[in-house]
Amino acid sequence: LVFILRKTAVPMDQKTKLAKVNKVLGRTGNTGNVTQVRVEFMNDDSDGMGGRSIVRNVKGPVREGDILCLLEWEREARRLR
């Protein structure tokens, strides 16, 4: 399952990263419509990102094992309290 943000096509010159959801951490947001997940990058190790994991916020349905297409991958979400 691949999520493309805002349901628009990604320009060919814009880089993306694939990340697999390892763990669903919980719900966040005012109404609980955002899910916080831990993802691990799947891309090859040539860019030094292979195996690295970060916490991200995902809007919409998500479960463990899903594959996310990340347009921005350097920023990590703040932890739930």
PDB file of N, CA and C in Angstrom:
ATOM      1  N   LEU A   1       0.852  -1.172   0.000  1.00  0.00           N
ATOM      2  CA  LEU A   1       0.000   0.000   0.000  1.00  0.00           C
ATOM      3  C   LEU A   1       0.895   1.230   0.000  1.00  0.00           C
ATOM      4  N   VAL A   2       0.749   2.110  -0.982  1.00  0.00           N
ATOM      5  CA  VAL A   2       1.574   3.306  -1.090  1.00  0.00           C
ATOM      6  C   VAL A   2       0.673   4.526  -1.009  1.00  0.00           C
ATOM      7  N   PHE A   3       1.052   5.463  -0.145  1.00  0.00           N
ATOM      8  CA  PHE A   3       0.303   6.701  -0.005  1.00  0.00           C
ATOM      9  C   PHE A   3       1.015   7.784  -0.790  1.00  0.00           C
ATOM     10  N   ILE A   4       0.292   8.513  -1.642  1.00  0.00           N
ATOM     11  CA  ILE A   4       0.849   9.669  -2.333  1.00  0.00           C
ATOM     12  C   ILE A   4       0.143  10.881  -1.768  1.00  0.00           C
ATOM     13  N   LEU A   5       0.922  11.814  -1.242  1.00  0.00           N
ATOM     14  CA  LEU A   5       0.365  12.964  -0.543  1.00  0.00           C
ATOM     15  C   LEU A   5      -0.475  13.831  -1.467  1.00  0.00           C
ATOM     16  N   ARG A   6      -1.603  14.278  -0.957  1.00  0.00           N
ATOM     17  CA  ARG A   6      -2.527  15.192  -1.638  1.00  0.00           C
ATOM     18  C   ARG A   6      -3.069  14.631  -2.958  1.00  0.00           C
ATOM     19  N   LYS A   7      -2.926  13.336  -3.164  1.00  0.00           N
ATOM     20  CA  LYS A   7      -3.470  12.675  -4.356  1.00  0.00           C
ATOM     21  C   LYS A   7      -3.034  13.350  -5.650  1.00  0.00           C
ATOM     22  N   THR A   8      -1.829  13.880  -5.685  1.00  0.00           N
ATOM     23  CA  THR A   8      -1.294  14.472  -6.902  1.00  0.00           C
ATOM     24  C   THR A   8      -0.089  13.674  -7.345  1.00  0.00           C
ATOM     25  N   ALA A   9       0.206  13.769  -8.612  1.00  0.00           N
ATOM     26  CA  ALA A   9       1.370  13.062  -9.139  1.00  0.00           C
ATOM     27  C   ALA A   9       2.640  13.730  -8.634  1.00  0.00           C
ATOM     28  N   VAL A  10       3.656  12.925  -8.375  1.00  0.00           N
ATOM     29  CA  VAL A  10       4.940  13.441  -7.925  1.00  0.00           C
ATOM     30  C   VAL A  10       5.779  13.748  -9.155  1.00  0.00           C
ATOM     31  N   PRO A  11       6.283  14.991  -9.281  1.00  0.00           N
ATOM     32  CA  PRO A  11       7.120  15.309 -10.433  1.00  0.00           C
ATOM     33  C   PRO A  11       8.334  14.385 -10.496  1.00  0.00           C
ATOM     34  N   MET A  12       8.771  14.064 -11.708  1.00  0.00           N
ATOM     35  CA  MET A  12       9.870  13.121 -11.884  1.00  0.00           C
ATOM     36  C   MET A  12      11.177  13.631 -11.284  1.00  0.00           C
ATOM     37  N   ASP A  13      11.349  14.953 -11.211  1.00  0.00           N
ATOM     38  CA  ASP A  13      12.600  15.488 -10.679  1.00  0.00           C
ATOM     39  C   ASP A  13      12.595  15.565  -9.152  1.00  0.00           C
ATOM     40  N   GLN A  14      11.462  15.303  -8.511  1.00  0.00           N
ATOM     41  CA  GLN A  14      11.387  15.359  -7.059  1.00  0.00           C
ATOM     42  C   GLN A  14      11.681  13.976  -6.484  1.00  0.00           C
ATOM     43  N   LYS A  15      12.615  13.918  -5.556  1.00  0.00           N
ATOM     44  CA  LYS A  15      13.017  12.652  -4.945  1.00  0.00           C
ATOM     45  C   LYS A  15      11.987  12.220  -3.900  1.00  0.00           C
ATOM     46  N   THR A  16      11.783  10.928  -3.789  1.00  0.00           N
ATOM     47  CA  THR A  16      10.926  10.361  -2.757  1.00  0.00           C
ATOM     48  C   THR A  16      11.678   9.215  -2.086  1.00  0.00           C
ATOM     49  N   LYS A  17      11.239   8.855  -0.899  1.00  0.00           N
ATOM     50  CA  LYS A  17      11.804   7.719  -0.172  1.00  0.00           C
ATOM     51  C   LYS A  17      10.665   6.798   0.225  1.00  0.00           C
ATOM     52  N   LEU A  18      10.914   5.499   0.162  1.00  0.00           N
ATOM     53  CA  LEU A  18       9.943   4.521   0.612  1.00  0.00           C
ATOM     54  C   LEU A  18      10.293   4.105   2.034  1.00  0.00           C
ATOM     55  N   ALA A  19       9.268   3.999   2.884  1.00  0.00           N
ATOM     56  CA  ALA A  19       9.482   3.621   4.277  1.00  0.00           C
ATOM     57  C   ALA A  19       8.389   2.647   4.694  1.00  0.00           C
ATOM     58  N   LYS A  20       8.775   1.605   5.414  1.00  0.00           N
ATOM     59  CA  LYS A  20       7.838   0.592   5.882  1.00  0.00           C
ATOM     60  C   LYS A  20       7.446   0.895   7.328  1.00  0.00           C
ATOM     61  N   VAL A  21       6.145   0.794   7.620  1.00  0.00           N
ATOM     62  CA  VAL A  21       5.641   1.041   8.978  1.00  0.00           C
ATOM     63  C   VAL A  21       5.999  -0.154   9.852  1.00  0.00           C
ATOM     64  N   ASN A  22       6.818   0.074  10.880  1.00  0.00           N
ATOM     65  CA  ASN A  22       7.223  -0.986  11.810  1.00  0.00           C
ATOM     66  C   ASN A  22       6.284  -1.082  12.999  1.00  0.00           C
ATOM     67  N   LYS A  23       5.823   0.078  13.503  1.00  0.00           N
ATOM     68  CA  LYS A  23       5.002   0.079  14.707  1.00  0.00           C
ATOM     69  C   LYS A  23       4.064   1.272  14.700  1.00  0.00           C
ATOM     70  N   VAL A  24       2.817   1.043  15.053  1.00  0.00           N
ATOM     71  CA  VAL A  24       1.850   2.124  15.229  1.00  0.00           C
ATOM     72  C   VAL A  24       1.936   2.558  16.685  1.00  0.00           C
ATOM     73  N   LEU A  25       2.307   3.833  16.910  1.00  0.00           N
ATOM     74  CA  LEU A  25       2.537   4.334  18.267  1.00  0.00           C
ATOM     75  C   LEU A  25       1.281   4.879  18.931  1.00  0.00           C
ATOM     76  N   GLY A  26       0.344   5.433  18.155  1.00  0.00           N
ATOM     77  CA  GLY A  26      -0.879   5.964  18.752  1.00  0.00           C
ATOM     78  C   GLY A  26      -1.497   7.041  17.888  1.00  0.00           C
ATOM     79  N   ARG A  27      -2.620   7.582  18.372  1.00  0.00           N
ATOM     80  CA  ARG A  27      -3.351   8.631  17.661  1.00  0.00           C
ATOM     81  C   ARG A  27      -2.986   9.976  18.258  1.00  0.00           C
ATOM     82  N   THR A  28      -3.007  11.002  17.404  1.00  0.00           N
ATOM     83  CA  THR A  28      -2.703  12.352  17.861  1.00  0.00           C
ATOM     84  C   THR A  28      -3.570  13.342  17.080  1.00  0.00           C
ATOM     85  N   GLY A  29      -3.424  14.606  17.365  1.00  0.00           N
ATOM     86  CA  GLY A  29      -4.249  15.629  16.717  1.00  0.00           C
ATOM     87  C   GLY A  29      -5.450  15.965  17.596  1.00  0.00           C
ATOM     88  N   ASN A  30      -6.096  17.083  17.297  1.00  0.00           N
ATOM     89  CA  ASN A  30      -7.239  17.536  18.101  1.00  0.00           C
ATOM     90  C   ASN A  30      -8.363  16.523  18.133  1.00  0.00           C
ATOM     91  N   THR A  31      -8.634  15.890  17.006  1.00  0.00           N
ATOM     92  CA  THR A  31      -9.741  14.939  16.931  1.00  0.00           C
ATOM     93  C   THR A  31      -9.253  13.507  16.784  1.00  0.00           C
ATOM     94  N   GLY A  32      -7.966  13.281  16.895  1.00  0.00           N
ATOM     95  CA  GLY A  32      -7.437  11.930  16.793  1.00  0.00           C
ATOM     96  C   GLY A  32      -7.392  11.395  15.381  1.00  0.00           C
ATOM     97  N   ASN A  33      -7.353  12.279  14.397  1.00  0.00           N
ATOM     98  CA  ASN A  33      -7.384  11.843  13.003  1.00  0.00           C
ATOM     99  C   ASN A  33      -5.988  11.635  12.406  1.00  0.00           C
ATOM    100  N   VAL A  34      -4.947  11.770  13.217  1.00  0.00           N
ATOM    101  CA  VAL A  34      -3.573  11.565  12.763  1.00  0.00           C
ATOM    102  C   VAL A  34      -2.979  10.424  13.587  1.00  0.00           C
ATOM    103  N   THR A  35      -2.276   9.522  12.901  1.00  0.00           N
ATOM    104  CA  THR A  35      -1.659   8.377  13.565  1.00  0.00           C
ATOM    105  C   THR A  35      -0.154   8.555  13.579  1.00  0.00           C
ATOM    106  N   GLN A  36       0.465   8.338  14.729  1.00  0.00           N
ATOM    107  CA  GLN A  36       1.918   8.443  14.823  1.00  0.00           C
ATOM    108  C   GLN A  36       2.505   7.039  14.676  1.00  0.00           C
ATOM    109  N   VAL A  37       3.473   6.897  13.742  1.00  0.00           N
ATOM    110  CA  VAL A  37       4.049   5.591  13.438  1.00  0.00           C
ATOM    111  C   VAL A  37       5.570   5.672  13.405  1.00  0.00           C
ATOM    112  N   ARG A  38       6.232   4.543  13.658  1.00  0.00           N
ATOM    113  CA  ARG A  38       7.679   4.426  13.480  1.00  0.00           C
ATOM    114  C   ARG A  38       7.898   3.733  12.142  1.00  0.00           C
ATOM    115  N   VAL A  39       8.682   4.373  11.259  1.00  0.00           N
ATOM    116  CA  VAL A  39       8.948   3.819   9.932  1.00  0.00           C
ATOM    117  C   VAL A  39      10.449   3.559   9.770  1.00  0.00           C
ATOM    118  N   GLU A  40      10.761   2.584   8.925  1.00  0.00           N
ATOM    119  CA  GLU A  40      12.147   2.264   8.596  1.00  0.00           C
ATOM    120  C   GLU A  40      12.314   2.418   7.093  1.00  0.00           C
ATOM    121  N   PHE A  41      13.360   3.127   6.683  1.00  0.00           N
ATOM    122  CA  PHE A  41      13.593   3.377   5.259  1.00  0.00           C
ATOM    123  C   PHE A  41      13.946   2.086   4.539  1.00  0.00           C
ATOM    124  N   MET A  42      13.418   1.930   3.333  1.00  0.00           N
ATOM    125  CA  MET A  42      13.611   0.714   2.551  1.00  0.00           C
ATOM    126  C   MET A  42      14.607   0.896   1.413  1.00  0.00           C
ATOM    127  N   ASN A  43      14.928   2.133   1.055  1.00  0.00           N
ATOM    128  CA  ASN A  43      15.780   2.375  -0.105  1.00  0.00           C
ATOM    129  C   ASN A  43      17.150   1.752   0.084  1.00  0.00           C
ATOM    130  N   ASP A  44      17.849   1.591  -1.023  1.00  0.00           N
ATOM    131  CA  ASP A  44      19.182   0.988  -0.953  1.00  0.00           C
ATOM    132  C   ASP A  44      20.106   1.827  -0.074  1.00  0.00           C
ATOM    133  N   ASP A  45      21.183   1.226   0.366  1.00  0.00           N
ATOM    134  CA  ASP A  45      22.081   1.853   1.329  1.00  0.00           C
ATOM    135  C   ASP A  45      23.038   2.845   0.683  1.00  0.00           C
ATOM    136  N   SER A  46      22.912   3.094  -0.623  1.00  0.00           N
ATOM    137  CA  SER A  46      23.838   4.002  -1.304  1.00  0.00           C
ATOM    138  C   SER A  46      23.728   5.439  -0.797  1.00  0.00           C
ATOM    139  N   ASP A  47      22.558   5.818  -0.282  1.00  0.00           N
ATOM    140  CA  ASP A  47      22.374   7.182   0.232  1.00  0.00           C
ATOM    141  C   ASP A  47      22.557   7.246   1.746  1.00  0.00           C
ATOM    142  N   GLY A  48      22.892   6.139   2.374  1.00  0.00           N
ATOM    143  CA  GLY A  48      23.121   6.119   3.816  1.00  0.00           C
ATOM    144  C   GLY A  48      21.859   6.098   4.645  1.00  0.00           C
ATOM    145  N   MET A  49      20.682   5.937   4.037  1.00  0.00           N
ATOM    146  CA  MET A  49      19.419   5.963   4.768  1.00  0.00           C
ATOM    147  C   MET A  49      18.888   4.565   5.053  1.00  0.00           C
ATOM    148  N   GLY A  50      19.430   3.538   4.412  1.00  0.00           N
ATOM    149  CA  GLY A  50      18.918   2.188   4.578  1.00  0.00           C
ATOM    150  C   GLY A  50      18.972   1.736   6.022  1.00  0.00           C
ATOM    151  N   GLY A  51      17.854   1.232   6.553  1.00  0.00           N
ATOM    152  CA  GLY A  51      17.814   0.739   7.915  1.00  0.00           C
ATOM    153  C   GLY A  51      17.528   1.793   8.972  1.00  0.00           C
ATOM    154  N   ARG A  52      17.613   3.071   8.638  1.00  0.00           N
ATOM    155  CA  ARG A  52      17.346   4.133   9.618  1.00  0.00           C
ATOM    156  C   ARG A  52      15.847   4.208   9.880  1.00  0.00           C
ATOM    157  N   SER A  53      15.460   4.439  11.133  1.00  0.00           N
ATOM    158  CA  SER A  53      14.037   4.550  11.440  1.00  0.00           C
ATOM    159  C   SER A  53      13.760   5.876  12.135  1.00  0.00           C
ATOM    160  N   ILE A  54      12.582   6.445  11.833  1.00  0.00           N
ATOM    161  CA  ILE A  54      12.147   7.705  12.424  1.00  0.00           C
ATOM    162  C   ILE A  54      10.660   7.609  12.750  1.00  0.00           C
ATOM    163  N   VAL A  55      10.156   8.586  13.506  1.00  0.00           N
ATOM    164  CA  VAL A  55       8.735   8.676  13.850  1.00  0.00           C
ATOM    165  C   VAL A  55       8.092   9.698  12.929  1.00  0.00           C
ATOM    166  N   ARG A  56       6.943   9.322  12.336  1.00  0.00           N
ATOM    167  CA  ARG A  56       6.220  10.223  11.428  1.00  0.00           C
ATOM    168  C   ARG A  56       4.749  10.260  11.799  1.00  0.00           C
ATOM    169  N   ASN A  57       4.079  11.341  11.410  1.00  0.00           N
ATOM    170  CA  ASN A  57       2.633  11.459  11.560  1.00  0.00           C
ATOM    171  C   ASN A  57       1.993  11.140  10.212  1.00  0.00           C
ATOM    172  N   VAL A  58       0.955  10.313  10.228  1.00  0.00           N
ATOM    173  CA  VAL A  58       0.284   9.891   9.002  1.00  0.00           C
ATOM    174  C   VAL A  58      -1.194  10.200   9.127  1.00  0.00           C
ATOM    175  N   LYS A  59      -1.751  10.840   8.096  1.00  0.00           N
ATOM    176  CA  LYS A  59      -3.185  11.108   8.071  1.00  0.00           C
ATOM    177  C   LYS A  59      -3.846  10.056   7.189  1.00  0.00           C
ATOM    178  N   GLY A  60      -4.893   9.455   7.705  1.00  0.00           N
ATOM    179  CA  GLY A  60      -5.575   8.406   6.963  1.00  0.00           C
ATOM    180  C   GLY A  60      -5.288   7.042   7.563  1.00  0.00           C
ATOM    181  N   PRO A  61      -5.919   6.000   6.995  1.00  0.00           N
ATOM    182  CA  PRO A  61      -5.748   4.661   7.562  1.00  0.00           C
ATOM    183  C   PRO A  61      -4.334   4.133   7.338  1.00  0.00           C
ATOM    184  N   VAL A  62      -3.761   3.547   8.393  1.00  0.00           N
ATOM    185  CA  VAL A  62      -2.417   2.979   8.291  1.00  0.00           C
ATOM    186  C   VAL A  62      -2.304   1.836   9.294  1.00  0.00           C
ATOM    187  N   ARG A  63      -1.527   0.816   8.951  1.00  0.00           N
ATOM    188  CA  ARG A  63      -1.285  -0.310   9.854  1.00  0.00           C
ATOM    189  C   ARG A  63       0.132  -0.815   9.648  1.00  0.00           C
ATOM    190  N   GLU A  64       0.586  -1.671  10.542  1.00  0.00           N
ATOM    191  CA  GLU A  64       1.936  -2.215  10.461  1.00  0.00           C
ATOM    192  C   GLU A  64       2.109  -2.962   9.143  1.00  0.00           C
ATOM    193  N   GLY A  65       3.271  -2.755   8.516  1.00  0.00           N
ATOM    194  CA  GLY A  65       3.563  -3.414   7.252  1.00  0.00           C
ATOM    195  C   GLY A  65       3.271  -2.563   6.034  1.00  0.00           C
ATOM    196  N   ASP A  66       2.543  -1.461   6.193  1.00  0.00           N
ATOM    197  CA  ASP A  66       2.248  -0.577   5.063  1.00  0.00           C
ATOM    198  C   ASP A  66       3.528   0.107   4.584  1.00  0.00           C
ATOM    199  N   ILE A  67       3.554   0.478   3.311  1.00  0.00           N
ATOM    200  CA  ILE A  67       4.678   1.188   2.717  1.00  0.00           C
ATOM    201  C   ILE A  67       4.240   2.627   2.464  1.00  0.00           C
ATOM    202  N   LEU A  68       5.013   3.589   2.983  1.00  0.00           N
ATOM    203  CA  LEU A  68       4.717   5.006   2.781  1.00  0.00           C
ATOM    204  C   LEU A  68       5.696   5.597   1.776  1.00  0.00           C
ATOM    205  N   CYS A  69       5.190   6.488   0.942  1.00  0.00           N
ATOM    206  CA  CYS A  69       6.020   7.229  -0.007  1.00  0.00           C
ATOM    207  C   CYS A  69       6.222   8.626   0.588  1.00  0.00           C
ATOM    208  N   LEU A  70       7.436   8.902   1.081  1.00  0.00           N
ATOM    209  CA  LEU A  70       7.708  10.156   1.782  1.00  0.00           C
ATOM    210  C   LEU A  70       8.341  11.168   0.842  1.00  0.00           C
ATOM    211  N   LEU A  71       7.707  12.339   0.739  1.00  0.00           N
ATOM    212  CA  LEU A  71       8.275  13.432  -0.057  1.00  0.00           C
ATOM    213  C   LEU A  71       9.322  14.196   0.746  1.00  0.00           C
ATOM    214  N   GLU A  72       9.199  14.171   2.061  1.00  0.00           N
ATOM    215  CA  GLU A  72      10.142  14.859   2.951  1.00  0.00           C
ATOM    216  C   GLU A  72      10.499  13.863   4.044  1.00  0.00           C
ATOM    217  N   TRP A  73      11.776  13.593   4.247  1.00  0.00           N
ATOM    218  CA  TRP A  73      12.178  12.510   5.137  1.00  0.00           C
ATOM    219  C   TRP A  73      13.219  12.909   6.179  1.00  0.00           C
ATOM    220  N   GLU A  74      13.587  14.181   6.249  1.00  0.00           N
ATOM    221  CA  GLU A  74      14.614  14.604   7.192  1.00  0.00           C
ATOM    222  C   GLU A  74      14.043  15.029   8.542  1.00  0.00           C
ATOM    223  N   ARG A  75      12.778  15.377   8.579  1.00  0.00           N
ATOM    224  CA  ARG A  75      12.169  15.870   9.812  1.00  0.00           C
ATOM    225  C   ARG A  75      11.447  14.738  10.528  1.00  0.00           C
ATOM    226  N   GLU A  76      11.623  14.674  11.848  1.00  0.00           N
ATOM    227  CA  GLU A  76      10.967  13.648  12.652  1.00  0.00           C
ATOM    228  C   GLU A  76       9.867  14.295  13.490  1.00  0.00           C
ATOM    229  N   ALA A  77       8.756  13.571  13.658  1.00  0.00           N
ATOM    230  CA  ALA A  77       7.625  14.084  14.432  1.00  0.00           C
ATOM    231  C   ALA A  77       7.957  14.084  15.918  1.00  0.00           C
ATOM    232  N   ARG A  78       7.357  15.028  16.658  1.00  0.00           N
ATOM    233  CA  ARG A  78       7.503  15.036  18.112  1.00  0.00           C
ATOM    234  C   ARG A  78       6.739  13.860  18.696  1.00  0.00           C
ATOM    235  N   ARG A  79       7.234  13.318  19.804  1.00  0.00           N
ATOM    236  CA  ARG A  79       6.611  12.145  20.434  1.00  0.00           C
ATOM    237  C   ARG A  79       5.291  12.503  21.089  1.00  0.00           C
ATOM    238  N   LEU A  80       4.424  11.509  21.184  1.00  0.00           N
ATOM    239  CA  LEU A  80       3.176  11.674  21.920  1.00  0.00           C
ATOM    240  C   LEU A  80       3.467  11.808  23.402  1.00  0.00           C
ATOM    241  N   ARG A  81       2.611  12.532  24.104  1.00  0.00           N
ATOM    242  CA  ARG A  81       2.760  12.650  25.566  1.00  0.00           C
ATOM    243  C   ARG A  81       1.660  11.900  26.262  1.00  0.00           C
TER     244      ARG A  81
END
